[in-house]
Amino acid sequence: MPSFRFGLPCAVAASLLVAAAPSPVAAQGAPAETPDAVCRAVEAYAADAMRTLPIRIDAATELVGVTVDCATGVVTYIKQLLVPANQIAPAAEDRRQLEHTALHCGIDGLASVFAMTVVDEVRAPDGAIFATLTTVPSDCDRLTPALAAAAALLTAEELEARLAAIAAVYQPNLPVRLSDSLSLMSVFQGADALVFFYKLGAAYPPEAGPAVEAQMRPALLDNDCTDDDRLILLRSGATITYRFRDANDTNLFAVTVTAAECTG
């Protein structure tokens, strides 16, 4: 079941900001552009951008229109679902609104930087309104860092799809020898979990497990906690477990990484 976010394509957002940004002369001390002048610049860009639409946003949505009303200071993005509305993965309306507010109240946001109201009007294939999201400048005052971070998290459906895709990439090539001392034997994807099964190239007595684990744990944590792709999985509720057997297929130890290990 497809899922989608209500974000504007990066290229479109960047172009809007460039179009609306004050000129270098104003930045050096000349009178700053008035809000109306900024809106007129966005209005001119939107008219030009319409010639390049539609733009695919994700597997389920495309941007089909941009309108600007300078009398009210409202920018409206008109988006079209590419699949029937009942095929869209369910998402709480408050989460969609949080994602919308975090996007437009960001460091380059139209609401936060240019004091404009931003509306997303999402239409089903039959033209009916599927969702309407609105962010006004005052919403940015209530967007805490914690809320902004939460908006970037994957939904349950997105997390499941991401984990399944990772496992699918590994599976056709397994088992694979990574070095003289280590082989990746299999990868399991379960509910909110990835499990990697490794085999070491040497035999160890059972009592050696804690010492080998202590040696390998820092590298595993560093890898997951500094990789943006892995970190978003963890922060969205996933666990990543590494299970190790020795050359005699004896279970030696396991390391499970969660978001808690990546704080601080």
C-alpha atoms as a PDB file:
ATOM      1  CA  MET A   1       0.000   0.000   0.000  1.00  0.00           C
ATOM      2  CA  PRO A   2       1.600   3.300  -1.064  1.00  0.00           C
ATOM      3  CA  SER A   3       2.284   5.993   1.482  1.00  0.00           C
ATOM      4  CA  PHE A   4       3.284   9.541   0.862  1.00  0.00           C
ATOM      5  CA  ARG A   5       4.352  12.756   2.513  1.00  0.00           C
ATOM      6  CA  PHE A   6       3.106  16.200   1.730  1.00  0.00           C
ATOM      7  CA  GLY A   7       6.516  17.766   1.130  1.00  0.00           C
ATOM      8  CA  LEU A   8       7.241  20.006  -1.816  1.00  0.00           C
ATOM      9  CA  PRO A   9       9.884  18.673  -4.232  1.00  0.00           C
ATOM     10  CA  CYS A  10      13.264  20.100  -3.200  1.00  0.00           C
ATOM     11  CA  ALA A  11      13.952  21.675  -6.592  1.00  0.00           C
ATOM     12  CA  VAL A  12      10.627  23.514  -6.536  1.00  0.00           C
ATOM     13  CA  ALA A  13      11.103  24.708  -2.968  1.00  0.00           C
ATOM     14  CA  ALA A  14      14.620  25.923  -3.686  1.00  0.00           C
ATOM     15  CA  SER A  15      13.471  27.821  -6.766  1.00  0.00           C
ATOM     16  CA  LEU A  16      10.710  29.513  -4.811  1.00  0.00           C
ATOM     17  CA  LEU A  17      13.158  30.646  -2.175  1.00  0.00           C
ATOM     18  CA  VAL A  18      15.604  31.984  -4.719  1.00  0.00           C
ATOM     19  CA  ALA A  19      12.815  33.878  -6.430  1.00  0.00           C
ATOM     20  CA  ALA A  20      11.593  35.372  -3.172  1.00  0.00           C
ATOM     21  CA  ALA A  21      14.943  36.088  -1.536  1.00  0.00           C
ATOM     22  CA  PRO A  22      15.900  39.745  -0.969  1.00  0.00           C
ATOM     23  CA  SER A  23      18.507  41.082  -3.383  1.00  0.00           C
ATOM     24  CA  PRO A  24      22.191  41.353  -2.340  1.00  0.00           C
ATOM     25  CA  VAL A  25      21.825  45.159  -2.368  1.00  0.00           C
ATOM     26  CA  ALA A  26      19.104  44.996   0.263  1.00  0.00           C
ATOM     27  CA  ALA A  27      21.248  42.642   2.347  1.00  0.00           C
ATOM     28  CA  GLN A  28      24.040  45.261   2.352  1.00  0.00           C
ATOM     29  CA  GLY A  29      21.914  47.954   3.926  1.00  0.00           C
ATOM     30  CA  ALA A  30      19.453  49.220   1.314  1.00  0.00           C
ATOM     31  CA  PRO A  31      15.773  49.130   2.323  1.00  0.00           C
ATOM     32  CA  ALA A  32      14.565  45.523   2.545  1.00  0.00           C
ATOM     33  CA  GLU A  33      11.886  44.330   0.180  1.00  0.00           C
ATOM     34  CA  THR A  34       8.382  44.696   1.540  1.00  0.00           C
ATOM     35  CA  PRO A  35       6.281  41.601   2.176  1.00  0.00           C
ATOM     36  CA  ASP A  36       4.229  42.579  -0.880  1.00  0.00           C
ATOM     37  CA  ALA A  37       7.361  42.689  -3.045  1.00  0.00           C
ATOM     38  CA  VAL A  38       8.378  39.262  -1.787  1.00  0.00           C
ATOM     39  CA  CYS A  39       4.940  37.897  -2.565  1.00  0.00           C
ATOM     40  CA  ARG A  40       5.045  39.370  -6.060  1.00  0.00           C
ATOM     41  CA  ALA A  41       8.361  37.592  -6.653  1.00  0.00           C
ATOM     42  CA  VAL A  42       6.840  34.298  -5.530  1.00  0.00           C
ATOM     43  CA  GLU A  43       3.799  35.002  -7.675  1.00  0.00           C
ATOM     44  CA  ALA A  44       5.992  35.524 -10.749  1.00  0.00           C
ATOM     45  CA  TYR A  45       7.879  32.301 -10.062  1.00  0.00           C
ATOM     46  CA  ALA A  46       4.666  30.323  -9.601  1.00  0.00           C
ATOM     47  CA  ALA A  47       3.380  31.516 -12.966  1.00  0.00           C
ATOM     48  CA  ASP A  48       6.623  30.389 -14.598  1.00  0.00           C
ATOM     49  CA  ALA A  49       6.714  27.085 -12.687  1.00  0.00           C
ATOM     50  CA  MET A  50       3.252  26.169 -13.936  1.00  0.00           C
ATOM     51  CA  ARG A  51       4.778  25.607 -17.372  1.00  0.00           C
ATOM     52  CA  THR A  52       6.886  22.708 -16.011  1.00  0.00           C
ATOM     53  CA  LEU A  53       4.127  20.932 -14.105  1.00  0.00           C
ATOM     54  CA  PRO A  54       3.127  18.259 -13.296  1.00  0.00           C
ATOM     55  CA  ILE A  55       6.093  17.164 -11.156  1.00  0.00           C
ATOM     56  CA  ARG A  56       6.145  13.720  -9.533  1.00  0.00           C
ATOM     57  CA  ILE A  57       6.544  14.015  -5.744  1.00  0.00           C
ATOM     58  CA  ASP A  58       6.538  10.335  -4.855  1.00  0.00           C
ATOM     59  CA  ALA A  59       4.982   7.059  -5.963  1.00  0.00           C
ATOM     60  CA  ALA A  60       1.512   8.233  -4.995  1.00  0.00           C
ATOM     61  CA  THR A  61       1.418  11.972  -5.628  1.00  0.00           C
ATOM     62  CA  GLU A  62       2.282  14.658  -8.149  1.00  0.00           C
ATOM     63  CA  LEU A  63       2.275  18.441  -7.981  1.00  0.00           C
ATOM     64  CA  VAL A  64      -0.110  19.814 -10.601  1.00  0.00           C
ATOM     65  CA  GLY A  65      -0.487  23.473  -9.690  1.00  0.00           C
ATOM     66  CA  VAL A  66       0.852  26.406  -7.663  1.00  0.00           C
ATOM     67  CA  THR A  67      -1.192  29.529  -6.977  1.00  0.00           C
ATOM     68  CA  VAL A  68      -0.229  32.688  -5.112  1.00  0.00           C
ATOM     69  CA  ASP A  69      -2.686  35.209  -3.690  1.00  0.00           C
ATOM     70  CA  CYS A  70      -0.774  38.319  -2.659  1.00  0.00           C
ATOM     71  CA  ALA A  71      -3.914  39.970  -1.288  1.00  0.00           C
ATOM     72  CA  THR A  72      -4.042  37.324   1.439  1.00  0.00           C
ATOM     73  CA  GLY A  73      -0.391  36.156   1.372  1.00  0.00           C
ATOM     74  CA  VAL A  74      -1.369  32.554   0.611  1.00  0.00           C
ATOM     75  CA  VAL A  75       0.584  30.044  -1.480  1.00  0.00           C
ATOM     76  CA  THR A  76      -1.432  26.988  -2.480  1.00  0.00           C
ATOM     77  CA  TYR A  77       0.094  23.769  -3.815  1.00  0.00           C
ATOM     78  CA  ILE A  78      -2.412  21.628  -5.694  1.00  0.00           C
ATOM     79  CA  LYS A  79      -1.491  17.961  -5.625  1.00  0.00           C
ATOM     80  CA  GLN A  80      -3.043  14.962  -7.308  1.00  0.00           C
ATOM     81  CA  LEU A  81      -3.099  11.385  -6.061  1.00  0.00           C
ATOM     82  CA  LEU A  82      -1.898   8.910  -8.669  1.00  0.00           C
ATOM     83  CA  VAL A  83      -3.653   5.968  -6.984  1.00  0.00           C
ATOM     84  CA  PRO A  84      -7.163   5.571  -5.570  1.00  0.00           C
ATOM     85  CA  ALA A  85      -7.545   7.247  -2.199  1.00  0.00           C
ATOM     86  CA  ASN A  86      -8.441   3.935  -0.531  1.00  0.00           C
ATOM     87  CA  GLN A  87      -5.040   2.553  -1.542  1.00  0.00           C
ATOM     88  CA  ILE A  88      -3.141   5.196   0.417  1.00  0.00           C
ATOM     89  CA  ALA A  89      -1.614   3.915   3.627  1.00  0.00           C
ATOM     90  CA  PRO A  90      -3.500   5.441   6.554  1.00  0.00           C
ATOM     91  CA  ALA A  91      -1.805   8.258   8.389  1.00  0.00           C
ATOM     92  CA  ALA A  92      -3.124  10.367  11.229  1.00  0.00           C
ATOM     93  CA  GLU A  93      -4.181  13.831  10.106  1.00  0.00           C
ATOM     94  CA  ASP A  94      -2.204  15.412  12.932  1.00  0.00           C
ATOM     95  CA  ARG A  95       0.953  13.726  11.676  1.00  0.00           C
ATOM     96  CA  ARG A  96       0.428  14.977   8.135  1.00  0.00           C
ATOM     97  CA  GLN A  97      -0.139  18.467   9.512  1.00  0.00           C
ATOM     98  CA  LEU A  98       3.012  18.230  11.632  1.00  0.00           C
ATOM     99  CA  GLU A  99       5.066  17.244   8.570  1.00  0.00           C
ATOM    100  CA  HIS A 100       3.566  20.158   6.635  1.00  0.00           C
ATOM    101  CA  THR A 101       4.307  22.662   9.394  1.00  0.00           C
ATOM    102  CA  ALA A 102       7.856  21.388   9.897  1.00  0.00           C
ATOM    103  CA  LEU A 103       8.539  21.762   6.173  1.00  0.00           C
ATOM    104  CA  HIS A 104       7.224  25.304   5.816  1.00  0.00           C
ATOM    105  CA  CYS A 105       8.517  26.510   9.190  1.00  0.00           C
ATOM    106  CA  GLY A 106      12.050  25.316   8.469  1.00  0.00           C
ATOM    107  CA  ILE A 107      15.128  27.459   8.092  1.00  0.00           C
ATOM    108  CA  ASP A 108      14.092  28.378   4.537  1.00  0.00           C
ATOM    109  CA  GLY A 109      10.346  28.029   4.987  1.00  0.00           C
ATOM    110  CA  LEU A 110       7.781  30.228   3.277  1.00  0.00           C
ATOM    111  CA  ALA A 111       5.890  30.564   6.571  1.00  0.00           C
ATOM    112  CA  SER A 112       8.900  31.135   8.807  1.00  0.00           C
ATOM    113  CA  VAL A 113      11.063  33.299   6.535  1.00  0.00           C
ATOM    114  CA  PHE A 114       8.545  35.057   4.288  1.00  0.00           C
ATOM    115  CA  ALA A 115       5.516  35.148   6.633  1.00  0.00           C
ATOM    116  CA  MET A 116       3.264  33.517   4.067  1.00  0.00           C
ATOM    117  CA  THR A 117       0.444  31.045   4.644  1.00  0.00           C
ATOM    118  CA  VAL A 118       1.006  27.738   2.835  1.00  0.00           C
ATOM    119  CA  VAL A 119      -1.828  25.405   1.833  1.00  0.00           C
ATOM    120  CA  ASP A 120      -1.602  21.908   0.393  1.00  0.00           C
ATOM    121  CA  GLU A 121      -4.746  20.853  -1.426  1.00  0.00           C
ATOM    122  CA  VAL A 122      -4.539  17.153  -2.238  1.00  0.00           C
ATOM    123  CA  ARG A 123      -7.092  15.769  -4.660  1.00  0.00           C
ATOM    124  CA  ALA A 124      -8.116  12.178  -5.298  1.00  0.00           C
ATOM    125  CA  PRO A 125      -8.054  10.893  -8.906  1.00  0.00           C
ATOM    126  CA  ASP A 126     -11.751  11.752  -9.246  1.00  0.00           C
ATOM    127  CA  GLY A 127     -11.093  15.377  -8.284  1.00  0.00           C
ATOM    128  CA  ALA A 128     -12.530  15.142  -4.768  1.00  0.00           C
ATOM    129  CA  ILE A 129     -10.511  16.767  -1.980  1.00  0.00           C
ATOM    130  CA  PHE A 130      -8.521  14.077  -0.162  1.00  0.00           C
ATOM    131  CA  ALA A 131      -6.739  16.327   2.335  1.00  0.00           C
ATOM    132  CA  THR A 132      -6.140  20.014   2.997  1.00  0.00           C
ATOM    133  CA  LEU A 133      -3.219  21.129   5.146  1.00  0.00           C
ATOM    134  CA  THR A 134      -2.527  24.700   6.191  1.00  0.00           C
ATOM    135  CA  THR A 135       0.486  26.288   7.882  1.00  0.00           C
ATOM    136  CA  VAL A 136       0.353  29.924   8.950  1.00  0.00           C
ATOM    137  CA  PRO A 137       3.346  31.969  10.164  1.00  0.00           C
ATOM    138  CA  SER A 138       2.221  31.836  13.799  1.00  0.00           C
ATOM    139  CA  ASP A 139       2.408  28.014  13.669  1.00  0.00           C
ATOM    140  CA  CYS A 140       6.185  28.361  13.459  1.00  0.00           C
ATOM    141  CA  ASP A 141       6.277  29.831  16.975  1.00  0.00           C
ATOM    142  CA  ARG A 142       4.832  26.576  18.325  1.00  0.00           C
ATOM    143  CA  LEU A 143       7.102  24.236  16.382  1.00  0.00           C
ATOM    144  CA  THR A 144       9.578  22.957  18.949  1.00  0.00           C
ATOM    145  CA  PRO A 145      12.785  21.115  17.978  1.00  0.00           C
ATOM    146  CA  ALA A 146      11.228  17.908  19.314  1.00  0.00           C
ATOM    147  CA  LEU A 147       8.163  18.315  17.109  1.00  0.00           C
ATOM    148  CA  ALA A 148      10.321  19.101  14.083  1.00  0.00           C
ATOM    149  CA  ALA A 149      12.359  15.945  14.706  1.00  0.00           C
ATOM    150  CA  ALA A 150       9.191  13.867  15.063  1.00  0.00           C
ATOM    151  CA  ALA A 151       7.933  15.136  11.715  1.00  0.00           C
ATOM    152  CA  ALA A 152      10.968  13.641   9.983  1.00  0.00           C
ATOM    153  CA  LEU A 153      10.276  10.135  11.283  1.00  0.00           C
ATOM    154  CA  LEU A 154       8.989   7.350   9.072  1.00  0.00           C
ATOM    155  CA  THR A 155       5.422   6.172   9.401  1.00  0.00           C
ATOM    156  CA  ALA A 156       4.874   2.533  10.365  1.00  0.00           C
ATOM    157  CA  GLU A 157       4.178   1.679   6.729  1.00  0.00           C
ATOM    158  CA  GLU A 158       7.246   3.551   5.494  1.00  0.00           C
ATOM    159  CA  LEU A 159       9.439   1.884   8.107  1.00  0.00           C
ATOM    160  CA  GLU A 160       8.204  -1.589   7.161  1.00  0.00           C
ATOM    161  CA  ALA A 161       8.803  -0.886   3.468  1.00  0.00           C
ATOM    162  CA  ARG A 162      12.296   0.479   4.118  1.00  0.00           C
ATOM    163  CA  LEU A 163      13.314  -2.524   6.214  1.00  0.00           C
ATOM    164  CA  ALA A 164      11.941  -4.953   3.637  1.00  0.00           C
ATOM    165  CA  ALA A 165      13.827  -3.165   0.871  1.00  0.00           C
ATOM    166  CA  ILE A 166      17.116  -3.392   2.776  1.00  0.00           C
ATOM    167  CA  ALA A 167      16.679  -7.116   3.386  1.00  0.00           C
ATOM    168  CA  ALA A 168      15.773  -7.649  -0.271  1.00  0.00           C
ATOM    169  CA  VAL A 169      19.028  -6.012  -1.382  1.00  0.00           C
ATOM    170  CA  TYR A 170      21.140  -8.340   0.766  1.00  0.00           C
ATOM    171  CA  GLN A 171      19.366 -11.664   0.360  1.00  0.00           C
ATOM    172  CA  PRO A 172      20.274 -12.575  -3.267  1.00  0.00           C
ATOM    173  CA  ASN A 173      23.995 -12.317  -2.512  1.00  0.00           C
ATOM    174  CA  LEU A 174      24.129 -14.290   0.718  1.00  0.00           C
ATOM    175  CA  PRO A 175      26.098 -15.846   2.203  1.00  0.00           C
ATOM    176  CA  VAL A 176      29.039 -13.621   1.382  1.00  0.00           C
ATOM    177  CA  ARG A 177      32.570 -13.609   2.747  1.00  0.00           C
ATOM    178  CA  LEU A 178      33.462 -10.128   3.930  1.00  0.00           C
ATOM    179  CA  SER A 179      36.993 -10.900   5.047  1.00  0.00           C
ATOM    180  CA  ASP A 180      39.159 -13.797   6.192  1.00  0.00           C
ATOM    181  CA  SER A 181      37.599 -13.496   9.620  1.00  0.00           C
ATOM    182  CA  LEU A 182      33.983 -12.588   8.919  1.00  0.00           C
ATOM    183  CA  SER A 183      31.077 -13.721   6.703  1.00  0.00           C
ATOM    184  CA  LEU A 184      27.521 -12.420   6.470  1.00  0.00           C
ATOM    185  CA  MET A 185      25.292 -15.482   6.364  1.00  0.00           C
ATOM    186  CA  SER A 186      21.725 -14.139   6.231  1.00  0.00           C
ATOM    187  CA  VAL A 187      19.483 -11.156   6.929  1.00  0.00           C
ATOM    188  CA  PHE A 188      16.055 -11.365   8.548  1.00  0.00           C
ATOM    189  CA  GLN A 189      13.441  -8.625   8.421  1.00  0.00           C
ATOM    190  CA  GLY A 190      10.664  -8.733  10.981  1.00  0.00           C
ATOM    191  CA  ALA A 191       8.264  -6.294  12.620  1.00  0.00           C
ATOM    192  CA  ASP A 192      10.299  -3.101  13.117  1.00  0.00           C
ATOM    193  CA  ALA A 193      13.499  -5.150  13.077  1.00  0.00           C
ATOM    194  CA  LEU A 194      16.494  -6.110  10.993  1.00  0.00           C
ATOM    195  CA  VAL A 195      18.693  -8.993  12.102  1.00  0.00           C
ATOM    196  CA  PHE A 196      22.089  -9.669  10.515  1.00  0.00           C
ATOM    197  CA  PHE A 197      23.623 -13.112  11.068  1.00  0.00           C
ATOM    198  CA  TYR A 198      27.417 -13.237  10.920  1.00  0.00           C
ATOM    199  CA  LYS A 199      29.925 -16.059  11.171  1.00  0.00           C
ATOM    200  CA  LEU A 200      33.424 -15.483  12.500  1.00  0.00           C
ATOM    201  CA  GLY A 201      36.410 -17.200  10.936  1.00  0.00           C
ATOM    202  CA  ALA A 202      37.764 -18.581  14.204  1.00  0.00           C
ATOM    203  CA  ALA A 203      36.473 -20.799  16.999  1.00  0.00           C
ATOM    204  CA  TYR A 204      36.035 -19.278  20.463  1.00  0.00           C
ATOM    205  CA  PRO A 205      35.242 -20.767  23.864  1.00  0.00           C
ATOM    206  CA  PRO A 206      31.834 -19.589  25.150  1.00  0.00           C
ATOM    207  CA  GLU A 207      33.454 -17.525  27.887  1.00  0.00           C
ATOM    208  CA  ALA A 208      35.204 -15.405  25.245  1.00  0.00           C
ATOM    209  CA  GLY A 209      31.882 -14.030  23.993  1.00  0.00           C
ATOM    210  CA  PRO A 210      31.695 -10.958  26.261  1.00  0.00           C
ATOM    211  CA  ALA A 211      35.243  -9.910  25.406  1.00  0.00           C
ATOM    212  CA  VAL A 212      34.675 -10.205  21.645  1.00  0.00           C
ATOM    213  CA  GLU A 213      31.373  -8.375  21.995  1.00  0.00           C
ATOM    214  CA  ALA A 214      33.046  -5.545  23.908  1.00  0.00           C
ATOM    215  CA  GLN A 215      35.592  -5.254  21.126  1.00  0.00           C
ATOM    216  CA  MET A 216      33.035  -5.135  18.305  1.00  0.00           C
ATOM    217  CA  ARG A 217      30.145  -3.210  19.890  1.00  0.00           C
ATOM    218  CA  PRO A 218      31.666   0.309  19.555  1.00  0.00           C
ATOM    219  CA  ALA A 219      32.201  -0.105  15.805  1.00  0.00           C
ATOM    220  CA  LEU A 220      28.644  -1.395  15.294  1.00  0.00           C
ATOM    221  CA  LEU A 221      27.151   1.490  17.277  1.00  0.00           C
ATOM    222  CA  ASP A 222      29.303   4.029  15.491  1.00  0.00           C
ATOM    223  CA  ASN A 223      28.235   2.682  12.110  1.00  0.00           C
ATOM    224  CA  ASP A 224      24.507   2.826  12.853  1.00  0.00           C
ATOM    225  CA  CYS A 225      24.510   6.041  14.869  1.00  0.00           C
ATOM    226  CA  THR A 226      26.461   8.079  12.315  1.00  0.00           C
ATOM    227  CA  ASP A 227      24.769   6.794   9.153  1.00  0.00           C
ATOM    228  CA  ASP A 228      21.746   8.968   8.362  1.00  0.00           C
ATOM    229  CA  ASP A 229      19.852   6.145   6.660  1.00  0.00           C
ATOM    230  CA  ARG A 230      20.305   3.781   9.604  1.00  0.00           C
ATOM    231  CA  LEU A 231      19.622   6.517  12.149  1.00  0.00           C
ATOM    232  CA  ILE A 232      16.227   7.393  10.688  1.00  0.00           C
ATOM    233  CA  LEU A 233      15.273   3.714  10.950  1.00  0.00           C
ATOM    234  CA  LEU A 234      16.248   3.623  14.605  1.00  0.00           C
ATOM    235  CA  ARG A 235      14.533   6.896  15.465  1.00  0.00           C
ATOM    236  CA  SER A 236      11.391   5.645  13.755  1.00  0.00           C
ATOM    237  CA  GLY A 237      11.256   2.668  16.124  1.00  0.00           C
ATOM    238  CA  ALA A 238      13.353  -0.028  14.449  1.00  0.00           C
ATOM    239  CA  THR A 239      15.945  -2.233  16.105  1.00  0.00           C
ATOM    240  CA  ILE A 240      19.026  -3.515  14.306  1.00  0.00           C
ATOM    241  CA  THR A 241      20.521  -6.696  15.722  1.00  0.00           C
ATOM    242  CA  TYR A 242      23.847  -8.315  14.865  1.00  0.00           C
ATOM    243  CA  ARG A 243      24.173 -12.002  15.804  1.00  0.00           C
ATOM    244  CA  PHE A 244      27.563 -13.688  15.717  1.00  0.00           C
ATOM    245  CA  ARG A 245      28.513 -17.353  15.574  1.00  0.00           C
ATOM    246  CA  ASP A 246      32.021 -18.702  15.632  1.00  0.00           C
ATOM    247  CA  ALA A 247      33.618 -21.077  13.106  1.00  0.00           C
ATOM    248  CA  ASN A 248      31.977 -24.036  14.869  1.00  0.00           C
ATOM    249  CA  ASP A 249      28.511 -22.470  14.495  1.00  0.00           C
ATOM    250  CA  THR A 250      28.306 -21.816  18.212  1.00  0.00           C
ATOM    251  CA  ASN A 251      26.263 -18.760  19.167  1.00  0.00           C
ATOM    252  CA  LEU A 252      28.765 -16.312  20.586  1.00  0.00           C
ATOM    253  CA  PHE A 253      26.965 -13.028  21.223  1.00  0.00           C
ATOM    254  CA  ALA A 254      24.453 -10.539  19.826  1.00  0.00           C
ATOM    255  CA  VAL A 255      24.369  -6.739  19.746  1.00  0.00           C
ATOM    256  CA  THR A 256      21.054  -4.938  19.405  1.00  0.00           C
ATOM    257  CA  VAL A 257      21.091  -1.249  18.477  1.00  0.00           C
ATOM    258  CA  THR A 258      18.162   1.050  19.259  1.00  0.00           C
ATOM    259  CA  ALA A 259      17.717   4.816  19.111  1.00  0.00           C
ATOM    260  CA  ALA A 260      18.596   5.001  22.801  1.00  0.00           C
ATOM    261  CA  GLU A 261      22.197   3.950  22.049  1.00  0.00           C
ATOM    262  CA  CYS A 262      22.516   6.862  19.612  1.00  0.00           C
ATOM    263  CA  THR A 263      21.593   9.673  21.980  1.00  0.00           C
ATOM    264  CA  GLY A 264      24.032  12.071  23.494  1.00  0.00           C
END
